[in-house]
Protein backbone atom coordinates (compact mmCIF):
# COMPACT_ATOMS: atom_id res chain seq x y z
CA MET A 1 -0.25 -0.43 -0.28
CA TRP A 2 2.56 2.60 0.96
CA LYS A 3 5.99 2.72 -1.15
CA LYS A 4 8.73 3.37 0.41
CA LYS A 5 10.46 6.70 -1.30
CA GLN A 6 13.85 5.78 -2.82
CA GLN A 7 17.26 7.29 -1.85
CA LEU A 8 18.59 10.58 -3.03
CA PRO A 9 21.89 10.35 -4.76
CA PHE A 10 22.81 13.14 -2.64
CA LYS A 11 25.01 12.84 0.44
CA SER A 12 23.67 14.03 3.64
CA THR A 13 24.39 17.37 4.65
CA ASP A 14 26.18 17.53 8.37
CA SER A 15 27.28 21.21 7.83
CA LEU A 16 26.23 24.71 6.46
CA ILE A 17 27.58 27.23 5.13
CA GLY A 18 24.39 28.77 3.95
CA HIS A 19 23.69 31.06 1.14
CA GLY A 20 24.50 34.70 1.81
CA GLY A 21 26.30 33.91 4.62
CA THR A 22 30.39 34.61 4.74
CA LEU A 23 33.39 33.03 6.86
CA GLU A 24 36.79 32.93 7.08
CA GLY A 25 39.31 31.06 8.89
CA LYS A 26 39.64 27.10 9.13
CA VAL A 27 37.67 24.08 8.98
CA HIS A 28 38.47 20.69 10.09
CA CYS A 29 35.30 18.66 9.92
CA ASP A 30 34.98 14.93 10.75
CA THR A 31 31.34 15.41 8.62
CA ASN A 32 30.27 15.80 5.78
CA LEU A 33 29.99 20.23 4.63
CA ARG A 34 28.02 22.28 2.48
CA ILE A 35 29.05 25.64 1.19
CA GLU A 36 26.57 27.87 -0.45
CA GLY A 37 28.12 31.04 0.64
CA SER A 38 31.25 32.54 0.90
CA PHE A 39 33.86 30.86 1.93
CA SER A 40 38.05 32.02 2.43
CA GLY A 41 40.86 30.12 3.94
CA GLU A 42 41.65 26.12 4.37
CA ILE A 43 39.21 23.41 4.47
CA GLU A 44 40.19 19.13 6.13
CA CYS A 45 37.72 17.42 5.93
CA THR A 46 37.10 13.88 6.64
CA GLY A 47 33.84 13.57 4.52
CA THR A 48 32.15 15.08 1.48
CA VAL A 49 32.74 18.77 0.38
CA THR A 50 29.99 20.11 -1.77
CA VAL A 51 30.40 23.75 -3.15
CA GLY A 52 26.68 24.80 -3.91
CA GLU A 53 25.94 27.01 -7.07
CA HIS A 54 25.59 30.02 -5.55
CA GLY A 55 29.22 29.05 -3.36
CA LEU A 56 32.59 31.23 -3.60
CA VAL A 57 35.91 29.41 -1.77
CA HIS A 58 39.21 30.67 -2.01
CA SER A 59 40.88 28.27 0.18
CA SER A 60 43.01 24.62 -0.32
CA ILE A 61 40.47 22.02 0.20
CA ILE A 62 41.18 18.25 1.52
CA ALA A 63 39.17 15.69 1.55
CA GLN A 64 37.42 12.56 0.52
CA GLU A 65 34.97 13.53 -1.88
CA ILE A 66 34.62 17.03 -3.36
CA ILE A 67 31.48 17.78 -5.71
CA ILE A 68 32.00 21.87 -7.92
CA ALA A 69 28.92 23.02 -8.41
CA GLY A 70 30.43 26.73 -8.26
CA LYS A 71 33.43 28.52 -7.80
CA VAL A 72 36.58 27.80 -6.11
CA PHE A 73 40.03 29.36 -6.19
CA GLY A 74 42.45 27.26 -4.68
CA ASN A 75 44.28 23.56 -5.02
CA VAL A 76 42.54 20.87 -4.07
CA THR A 77 43.24 17.15 -2.75
CA VAL A 78 40.81 14.37 -2.98
CA ASP A 79 41.49 10.77 -1.78
CA ARG A 80 38.88 9.21 -3.28
CA ARG A 81 36.97 11.44 -6.31
CA LEU A 82 36.00 14.95 -7.31
CA VAL A 83 32.76 15.78 -9.90
CA MET A 84 32.37 18.89 -11.32
CA THR A 85 28.99 19.86 -12.08
CA CYS A 86 28.03 21.95 -15.38
CA THR A 87 28.59 24.65 -13.76
CA GLY A 88 31.62 24.25 -11.48
CA GLN A 89 34.68 26.37 -11.82
CA LEU A 90 37.65 24.93 -10.64
CA HIS A 91 40.69 27.30 -10.50
CA GLY A 92 44.15 25.69 -9.15
CA SER A 93 45.65 22.69 -9.02
CA ILE A 94 44.07 19.15 -8.58
CA SER A 95 45.56 15.60 -6.58
CA ALA A 96 42.74 13.27 -7.00
CA GLY A 97 42.12 9.81 -7.59
CA SER A 98 39.16 9.58 -9.79
CA LEU A 99 38.24 12.63 -12.18
CA SER A 100 34.88 13.46 -13.82
CA ILE A 101 34.08 16.82 -15.05
CA MET A 102 30.39 17.18 -16.50
CA GLU A 103 29.90 19.17 -20.28
CA GLY A 104 30.00 22.77 -19.41
CA GLY A 105 32.54 22.49 -16.24
CA VAL A 106 35.58 24.67 -16.23
CA LEU A 107 38.98 23.67 -14.62
CA SER A 108 42.14 26.18 -14.76
CA GLY A 109 44.94 24.23 -13.64
CA SER A 110 46.91 21.26 -13.63
CA VAL A 111 45.66 17.80 -12.58
CA ASP A 112 47.50 14.72 -11.11
CA MET A 113 45.96 12.14 -10.67
CA LYS A 114 46.60 9.14 -8.08
CA GLU A 115 46.51 5.45 -8.29
CA GLN A 116 44.54 4.03 -7.05
CA PRO A 117 44.88 -0.06 -6.22
CA ALA A 118 44.00 -2.08 -8.22
CA PRO A 119 40.82 -4.14 -6.79
CA GLU A 120 41.63 -7.45 -5.57
CA LYS A 121 40.48 -10.39 -8.23
CA ALA A 122 38.13 -13.10 -6.74
CA GLY A 123 39.34 -15.98 -5.20
CA GLY A 124 42.57 -13.95 -4.92
CA HIS A 125 44.54 -15.20 -7.79
CA GLU A 126 46.29 -12.78 -10.34
CA LYS A 127 47.43 -12.68 -13.51
CA GLN A 128 50.79 -14.37 -13.78
CA LYS A 129 52.85 -12.03 -16.16
CA ASP A 130 56.24 -13.01 -17.88
CA LYS A 131 59.45 -10.79 -17.56
CA ALA A 132 58.40 -8.24 -19.78
CA GLY A 133 55.43 -7.88 -18.52
CA LYS A 134 53.05 -9.36 -20.96
CA ARG A 135 51.01 -13.00 -20.61
CA SER A 136 51.97 -15.32 -22.50
CA LYS A 137 50.10 -16.96 -25.12
CA ALA A 138 50.39 -20.57 -23.57
CA GLN A 139 48.57 -18.51 -19.78
CA ALA A 140 46.31 -16.54 -22.26
CA ALA A 141 44.72 -19.37 -23.87
CA ARG A 142 44.67 -21.17 -20.26
CA GLU A 143 42.52 -18.23 -19.15
CA ALA A 144 40.62 -18.04 -22.25
CA GLY A 145 39.61 -21.71 -21.21
């Protein structure tokens, strides 16, 4: 009779700098942070930092994930992924595990991609490679079945 509402793909926000609000300084948070106003300083977050469409940030940002829909001026370091929406602008360098820029997003700066740890194969078996780093023909035939 009653249907469960589907979960939204957005992260929950634990801290908010609202539209029209201005904040300067250092922010260290163990939760998610959303910025819809203006912020200047440094941000270090163990969760997700979201800069909303009206957000303006003059700051270095270190976080697990960052979503940019507004304007960011500063260097960002992301352990997992950085997503820039079609309205997002980033003027600074990026160090990220994963980067996604939607059409219309603006990036002015350098990008350094971190190497992601390889996913573990089922059963814990890794493919063996010869000295040159390539699979041998016999091994490829065995794996093909």
